[in-house]
Amino acid sequence: MIRIFAAPSRYIQGPGALAEVGAAAFKLGARPLLVIDAAVMAIVGEPLLQGFGDAPPSVAPFAGEVTDKNIAGLIAQRGAHDVVIGVGGGKTLDAGKAVAMALGTPFVSVPTIASNDGPASRGIAMYDEAHQLIRVDQMPANPACVIVDTAVIARAPARFLRAGIGDAIAKKFEAEGCWAGGGLTKHGTRPLLTAQLIADSAYRILRAHAAEALRATERQQTNEHLEATIEATVLLSAMGFENGGLSIAHSVTRGLMAVRGAAARLHGEHVAYGTLIQLLVDGREASEIEDMIGFYKQIGLPVQLADLDLNEPTPDEISLIVERTMSSPHIRNLARPVSSASLREAVAWLEKGAR
């Protein structure tokens, strides 16, 4: 079987990297369109626009849901452009990706938070007017350039980076599960070994640096720990999951999105909890699971449903989580069979034993 590896064409990271956006965009096109939230523009607009010199980009303000209607509106209001730049959080970046895909242009991704690996991925989460996820579109290629100003990330609330860590931690175990279970990647092919190496490296980096990185964000300062953690969270995590595949950890997010309290929590927080479920279902050694729980507690990731604001879950809520998890296409990406009973047992173990 043919195997495929994909990644952003260029990745730029460091304090002050916003100044590089203009030059990076002009290498890709002469008529850039900037998709950005007005609130974000107020924070980063000055250093961002300085990089464009005397040729500022057209600006398309965006705030709201990433719907087909809103994307069509963004496109209709603008003239001809040959490169799109998205600056902000996940929804703004997805809106920029959708505009770029519709226009057939390269996309430059400039995240202002590191809550997941979406900035370096091809995926676009599309919603309906009721704010319900309806599909995940895929750009033809990963962003042409990803630019991460770590000084901006350092000033964002630590909760976002913590969620990004939770999202990235899973990729090692999901890549291993997809490989062992005969699963396919987003490319529709079997994974390459390279993806497992990348995902494992992301995990090792986070275990070594994440705690100190979170302390740096409390001081709103950059340091080597934050730089390493952002690289693992944004770049390595994206390459790990797109090329290595997903498994139980991401399947569990379907269930958590369906229940009270947890539905409002960040994606990476869901994935972190899902990783514990995957380790239990996979029959990992108790010492490995306990070690992971200890790490979670050290950095503030959820280990029980109450940590996701689902206090005293009812039997019906547990059943809904299990049912939705079992509906995921990634559920079989594990060496051993996964059943509703094994998922229910894993949830019960955490509720009783992860205190």
Protein backbone atom coordinates (compact mmCIF):
# COMPACT_ATOMS: atom_id res chain seq x y z
CA MET A 1 0.00 0.00 0.00
CA ILE A 2 1.14 3.54 -0.78
CA ARG A 3 1.93 5.60 2.31
CA ILE A 4 1.83 9.40 2.49
CA PHE A 5 3.51 11.96 4.72
CA ALA A 6 2.39 15.61 4.74
CA ALA A 7 3.40 18.68 6.75
CA PRO A 8 3.47 22.48 6.52
CA SER A 9 5.90 23.73 3.89
CA ARG A 10 7.51 26.20 6.29
CA TYR A 11 7.40 26.70 10.06
CA ILE A 12 8.62 29.83 11.89
CA GLN A 13 8.62 30.11 15.69
CA GLY A 14 9.99 32.50 18.27
CA PRO A 15 9.46 35.79 20.12
CA GLY A 16 8.67 38.55 17.64
CA ALA A 17 7.78 36.16 14.82
CA LEU A 18 4.76 38.35 13.92
CA ALA A 19 7.19 40.60 12.10
CA GLU A 20 7.86 37.74 9.65
CA VAL A 21 4.25 37.40 8.47
CA GLY A 22 4.42 40.04 5.75
CA ALA A 23 7.59 38.70 4.15
CA ALA A 24 6.30 35.13 4.32
CA ALA A 25 3.01 36.13 2.69
CA PHE A 26 4.65 38.08 -0.13
CA LYS A 27 6.73 35.04 -1.04
CA LEU A 28 3.44 33.30 -1.79
CA GLY A 29 1.44 36.09 -3.45
CA ALA A 30 1.30 39.81 -4.17
CA ARG A 31 -2.28 40.41 -2.99
CA PRO A 32 -2.70 39.05 0.57
CA LEU A 33 -5.99 38.87 2.45
CA LEU A 34 -5.84 38.97 6.25
CA VAL A 35 -8.64 37.16 8.13
CA ILE A 36 -8.57 38.29 11.76
CA ASP A 37 -10.83 38.93 14.73
CA ALA A 38 -11.13 42.62 15.65
CA ALA A 39 -10.18 41.90 19.27
CA VAL A 40 -7.03 40.07 18.15
CA MET A 41 -6.23 42.89 15.73
CA ALA A 42 -6.24 45.31 18.65
CA ILE A 43 -3.64 43.18 20.43
CA VAL A 44 -1.26 42.16 17.63
CA GLY A 45 -2.15 44.49 14.77
CA GLU A 46 0.71 46.95 15.10
CA PRO A 47 3.67 44.51 15.01
CA LEU A 48 1.84 42.36 12.48
CA LEU A 49 1.19 45.14 9.97
CA GLN A 50 4.69 46.59 10.33
CA GLY A 51 5.98 43.52 8.54
CA PHE A 52 4.03 44.48 5.42
CA GLY A 53 5.78 47.84 5.05
CA ASP A 54 4.06 50.17 2.59
CA ALA A 55 1.86 47.43 1.11
CA PRO A 56 -0.66 46.47 3.83
CA PRO A 57 -2.97 43.52 3.21
CA SER A 58 -6.70 43.71 2.71
CA VAL A 59 -8.40 42.94 6.01
CA ALA A 60 -11.46 40.71 6.43
CA PRO A 61 -12.69 40.99 10.04
CA PHE A 62 -14.10 37.72 11.32
CA ALA A 63 -15.93 36.89 14.50
CA GLY A 64 -18.48 34.14 14.87
CA GLU A 65 -19.06 30.60 13.74
CA VAL A 66 -17.32 28.89 10.84
CA THR A 67 -20.41 28.24 8.71
CA ASP A 68 -20.81 27.92 4.97
CA LYS A 69 -22.84 31.14 5.01
CA ASN A 70 -20.20 33.12 6.89
CA ILE A 71 -17.40 31.87 4.67
CA ALA A 72 -19.38 32.78 1.55
CA GLY A 73 -19.90 36.24 3.03
CA LEU A 74 -16.18 36.70 3.62
CA ILE A 75 -15.41 35.75 0.04
CA ALA A 76 -18.15 37.91 -1.49
CA GLN A 77 -16.92 41.05 0.24
CA ARG A 78 -13.37 40.83 -1.03
CA GLY A 79 -11.62 41.33 -4.33
CA ALA A 80 -8.96 39.19 -5.98
CA HIS A 81 -6.35 37.72 -3.63
CA ASP A 82 -3.59 35.20 -4.16
CA VAL A 83 -2.70 34.35 -0.55
CA VAL A 84 -4.80 34.21 2.64
CA ILE A 85 -3.45 34.82 6.15
CA GLY A 86 -5.40 33.71 9.22
CA VAL A 87 -4.49 35.25 12.58
CA GLY A 88 -6.09 34.30 15.89
CA GLY A 89 -7.65 31.29 17.58
CA GLY A 90 -9.01 28.10 16.09
CA LYS A 91 -12.22 29.46 14.56
CA THR A 92 -10.50 32.38 12.87
CA LEU A 93 -7.79 30.10 11.50
CA ASP A 94 -10.43 27.68 10.21
CA ALA A 95 -12.27 30.57 8.57
CA GLY A 96 -9.04 31.62 6.88
CA LYS A 97 -8.41 28.05 5.74
CA ALA A 98 -11.91 27.82 4.29
CA VAL A 99 -11.50 31.10 2.40
CA ALA A 100 -8.11 30.00 1.08
CA MET A 101 -9.50 26.67 -0.07
CA ALA A 102 -12.43 28.36 -1.80
CA LEU A 103 -10.13 30.83 -3.56
CA GLY A 104 -7.53 28.18 -4.38
CA THR A 105 -4.72 30.12 -2.70
CA PRO A 106 -1.94 29.22 -0.24
CA PHE A 107 -2.71 29.72 3.44
CA VAL A 108 -0.48 31.30 6.11
CA SER A 109 -1.43 30.24 9.65
CA VAL A 110 -0.66 32.60 12.55
CA PRO A 111 -2.04 31.25 15.84
CA THR A 112 -2.29 33.50 18.89
CA ILE A 113 -3.00 30.59 21.27
CA ALA A 114 -1.62 27.04 21.34
CA SER A 115 -4.69 25.13 22.53
CA ASN A 116 -4.36 22.39 19.88
CA ASP A 117 -2.43 21.46 16.74
CA GLY A 118 -5.00 22.83 14.29
CA PRO A 119 -2.76 25.72 13.11
CA ALA A 120 -0.42 23.28 11.33
CA SER A 121 -3.07 20.86 10.07
CA ARG A 122 -5.24 20.63 6.95
CA GLY A 123 -8.52 20.30 8.82
CA ILE A 124 -11.36 22.85 8.85
CA ALA A 125 -14.12 22.32 11.42
CA MET A 126 -17.40 23.45 9.81
CA TYR A 127 -20.53 24.20 11.85
CA ASP A 128 -24.18 24.95 11.23
CA GLU A 129 -26.12 28.00 12.44
CA ALA A 130 -26.94 26.15 15.67
CA HIS A 131 -23.21 25.84 16.43
CA GLN A 132 -23.21 22.08 15.84
CA LEU A 133 -20.26 20.47 14.07
CA ILE A 134 -21.44 19.18 10.70
CA ARG A 135 -18.20 18.11 9.00
CA VAL A 136 -14.42 18.51 8.91
CA ASP A 137 -13.21 19.69 5.52
CA GLN A 138 -9.62 19.14 4.41
CA MET A 139 -7.47 21.62 2.53
CA PRO A 140 -5.59 20.10 -0.45
CA ALA A 141 -2.34 20.66 1.48
CA ASN A 142 -1.16 21.79 4.88
CA PRO A 143 -0.62 25.51 5.44
CA ALA A 144 2.12 26.91 3.24
CA CYS A 145 3.57 28.60 6.31
CA VAL A 146 2.89 28.46 10.05
CA ILE A 147 4.19 31.39 12.09
CA VAL A 148 4.07 31.19 15.89
CA ASP A 149 5.06 34.24 17.92
CA THR A 150 5.86 32.66 21.26
CA ALA A 151 5.73 36.01 23.07
CA VAL A 152 2.07 36.23 22.07
CA ILE A 153 1.42 32.65 23.24
CA ALA A 154 3.13 33.44 26.56
CA ARG A 155 0.65 36.26 27.21
CA ALA A 156 -2.42 34.09 26.54
CA PRO A 157 -4.21 32.39 29.47
CA ALA A 158 -2.36 29.25 30.59
CA ARG A 159 -5.55 27.23 30.16
CA PHE A 160 -5.11 27.28 26.40
CA LEU A 161 -1.57 25.95 26.45
CA ARG A 162 -2.56 23.31 29.01
CA ALA A 163 -5.26 22.10 26.61
CA GLY A 164 -2.75 22.05 23.77
CA ILE A 165 -0.50 19.85 25.88
CA GLY A 166 -3.42 17.51 26.52
CA ASP A 167 -4.14 17.28 22.80
CA ALA A 168 -0.50 16.60 21.92
CA ILE A 169 0.17 14.00 24.62
CA ALA A 170 -2.34 11.65 23.00
CA LYS A 171 -0.61 11.47 19.63
CA LYS A 172 2.08 9.00 20.74
CA PHE A 173 -0.49 6.49 21.96
CA GLU A 174 -2.90 7.08 19.10
CA ALA A 175 -0.17 6.59 16.49
CA GLU A 176 0.82 3.36 18.23
CA GLY A 177 -2.81 2.25 18.37
CA CYS A 178 -3.49 3.05 14.72
CA TRP A 179 -0.37 1.15 13.67
CA ALA A 180 -1.18 -1.89 15.80
CA GLY A 181 -4.86 -1.92 14.85
CA GLY A 182 -4.33 -1.69 11.11
CA GLY A 183 -5.97 1.75 10.88
CA LEU A 184 -5.60 4.43 8.23
CA THR A 185 -4.48 8.04 8.47
CA LYS A 186 -6.32 11.13 7.21
CA HIS A 187 -4.64 10.48 3.85
CA GLY A 188 -6.50 7.18 3.58
CA THR A 189 -3.27 5.20 3.78
CA ARG A 190 -1.40 3.17 6.38
CA PRO A 191 0.97 5.25 8.54
CA LEU A 192 4.68 5.66 8.02
CA LEU A 193 7.02 4.84 10.90
CA THR A 194 8.17 8.47 10.77
CA ALA A 195 4.88 9.57 12.29
CA GLN A 196 5.35 7.34 15.32
CA LEU A 197 8.83 8.77 15.88
CA ILE A 198 7.48 12.32 15.68
CA ALA A 199 4.56 11.62 18.01
CA ASP A 200 6.87 9.91 20.51
CA SER A 201 9.23 12.91 20.38
CA ALA A 202 6.33 15.27 21.09
CA TYR A 203 5.42 13.19 24.14
CA ARG A 204 9.00 13.13 25.45
CA ILE A 205 9.36 16.89 24.99
CA LEU A 206 6.15 17.55 26.88
CA ARG A 207 7.08 15.30 29.77
CA ALA A 208 10.38 17.15 30.07
CA HIS A 209 9.24 20.75 29.52
CA ALA A 210 5.47 21.20 29.92
CA ALA A 211 5.39 21.95 33.65
CA GLU A 212 8.02 24.68 33.38
CA ALA A 213 6.37 26.03 30.22
CA LEU A 214 3.12 26.55 32.10
CA ARG A 215 4.99 28.37 34.85
CA ALA A 216 6.47 30.64 32.18
CA THR A 217 3.00 31.57 30.94
CA GLU A 218 2.06 32.53 34.50
CA ARG A 219 4.88 35.09 34.28
CA GLN A 220 3.94 35.86 30.65
CA GLN A 221 7.53 35.18 29.67
CA THR A 222 9.19 32.96 27.08
CA ASN A 223 11.95 30.52 27.87
CA GLU A 224 13.43 27.32 26.44
CA HIS A 225 10.72 25.23 28.12
CA LEU A 226 7.91 27.22 26.52
CA GLU A 227 9.61 27.16 23.12
CA ALA A 228 9.98 23.37 23.27
CA THR A 229 6.41 22.87 24.47
CA ILE A 230 4.92 25.05 21.73
CA GLU A 231 6.93 23.23 19.07
CA ALA A 232 5.59 19.90 20.35
CA THR A 233 2.03 21.18 20.74
CA VAL A 234 1.64 22.95 17.39
CA LEU A 235 4.05 21.34 14.92
CA LEU A 236 4.99 17.84 16.09
CA SER A 237 1.49 17.02 17.29
CA ALA A 238 -0.03 17.95 13.92
CA MET A 239 2.47 15.86 11.97
CA GLY A 240 2.00 13.00 14.40
CA PHE A 241 -1.77 12.75 14.11
CA GLU A 242 -2.19 13.54 10.41
CA ASN A 243 0.40 10.99 9.42
CA GLY A 244 0.11 8.54 12.32
CA GLY A 245 -3.65 8.30 12.75
CA LEU A 246 -6.09 8.68 15.63
CA SER A 247 -7.50 6.20 18.13
CA ILE A 248 -9.53 6.01 21.33
CA ALA A 249 -8.36 9.31 22.85
CA HIS A 250 -10.04 11.32 20.11
CA SER A 251 -13.00 8.95 19.94
CA VAL A 252 -13.85 9.82 23.55
CA THR A 253 -14.26 13.48 22.61
CA ARG A 254 -17.49 12.55 20.82
CA GLY A 255 -18.95 11.32 24.06
CA LEU A 256 -17.76 14.24 26.17
CA MET A 257 -19.25 16.73 23.72
CA ALA A 258 -22.66 15.20 24.36
CA VAL A 259 -22.90 15.66 28.14
CA ARG A 260 -23.45 18.59 30.47
CA GLY A 261 -20.48 20.53 31.71
CA ALA A 262 -17.90 18.64 29.70
CA ALA A 263 -19.35 19.88 26.40
CA ALA A 264 -18.13 23.39 27.20
CA ARG A 265 -14.55 22.37 27.91
CA LEU A 266 -11.67 22.68 25.45
CA HIS A 267 -10.89 19.97 22.89
CA GLY A 268 -7.47 19.29 24.36
CA GLU A 269 -8.96 18.74 27.81
CA HIS A 270 -11.29 16.13 26.30
CA VAL A 271 -8.41 14.43 24.52
CA ALA A 272 -6.30 14.33 27.68
CA TYR A 273 -9.06 12.47 29.53
CA GLY A 274 -9.55 10.25 26.48
CA THR A 275 -5.88 9.29 26.60
CA LEU A 276 -6.33 7.85 30.09
CA ILE A 277 -9.32 5.88 28.82
CA GLN A 278 -7.21 4.57 25.93
CA LEU A 279 -4.39 3.45 28.22
CA LEU A 280 -6.86 1.53 30.38
CA VAL A 281 -8.70 -0.08 27.46
CA ASP A 282 -5.35 -1.01 25.92
CA GLY A 283 -4.38 -2.91 29.05
CA ARG A 284 -1.30 -0.82 29.85
CA GLU A 285 0.62 -1.52 33.02
CA ALA A 286 -0.81 0.06 36.16
CA SER A 287 2.50 1.82 36.80
CA GLU A 288 2.31 3.56 33.39
CA ILE A 289 -1.25 4.73 34.00
CA GLU A 290 -0.45 5.93 37.51
CA ASP A 291 2.59 7.78 36.20
CA MET A 292 0.44 9.55 33.61
CA ILE A 293 -2.17 10.47 36.19
CA GLY A 294 0.57 11.92 38.38
CA PHE A 295 1.80 14.04 35.49
CA TYR A 296 -1.73 15.22 34.74
CA LYS A 297 -2.22 16.30 38.34
CA GLN A 298 1.11 18.12 38.28
CA ILE A 299 0.12 20.27 35.31
CA GLY A 300 -3.64 20.48 35.88
CA LEU A 301 -5.12 18.16 33.24
CA PRO A 302 -8.38 16.27 33.97
CA VAL A 303 -8.28 12.77 35.43
CA GLN A 304 -11.96 12.38 36.32
CA LEU A 305 -15.26 13.56 34.84
CA ALA A 306 -15.69 16.08 37.66
CA ASP A 307 -12.51 17.76 36.40
CA LEU A 308 -14.45 18.33 33.16
CA ASP A 309 -17.41 19.83 35.05
CA LEU A 310 -19.47 16.64 34.84
CA ASN A 311 -20.11 16.23 38.56
CA GLU A 312 -21.77 13.04 39.80
CA PRO A 313 -22.42 11.61 36.32
CA THR A 314 -25.60 9.59 36.02
CA PRO A 315 -25.70 6.09 34.52
CA ASP A 316 -27.47 7.56 31.48
CA GLU A 317 -24.69 10.11 30.99
CA ILE A 318 -22.03 7.42 31.21
CA SER A 319 -23.99 5.38 28.69
CA LEU A 320 -24.19 8.36 26.33
CA ILE A 321 -20.45 8.94 26.56
CA VAL A 322 -19.80 5.27 25.78
CA GLU A 323 -22.34 5.15 22.96
CA ARG A 324 -20.97 8.25 21.22
CA THR A 325 -17.39 7.05 21.68
CA MET A 326 -18.22 3.71 20.06
CA SER A 327 -19.61 5.58 17.02
CA SER A 328 -16.20 7.03 16.15
CA PRO A 329 -14.44 5.73 13.02
CA HIS A 330 -11.18 5.58 15.00
CA ILE A 331 -12.51 3.23 17.70
CA ARG A 332 -10.91 0.11 16.20
CA ASN A 333 -7.45 1.64 15.94
CA LEU A 334 -6.00 -0.39 18.78
CA ALA A 335 -4.26 -3.74 19.08
CA ARG A 336 -7.10 -5.27 21.11
CA PRO A 337 -10.86 -5.13 20.47
CA VAL A 338 -12.74 -2.24 22.06
CA SER A 339 -16.23 -2.78 23.48
CA SER A 340 -18.82 -0.74 25.30
CA ALA A 341 -18.06 -2.82 28.37
CA SER A 342 -14.33 -2.07 28.28
CA LEU A 343 -15.00 1.66 27.89
CA ARG A 344 -17.47 1.61 30.76
CA GLU A 345 -14.94 -0.22 32.95
CA ALA A 346 -12.26 2.38 32.12
CA VAL A 347 -14.56 5.27 33.08
CA ALA A 348 -15.49 3.51 36.33
CA TRP A 349 -11.82 2.87 37.17
CA LEU A 350 -10.98 6.55 36.78
CA GLU A 351 -14.00 7.64 38.78
CA LYS A 352 -12.99 5.33 41.62
CA GLY A 353 -9.23 5.09 41.41
CA ALA A 354 -7.81 8.36 40.08
CA ARG A 355 -8.37 10.45 43.20
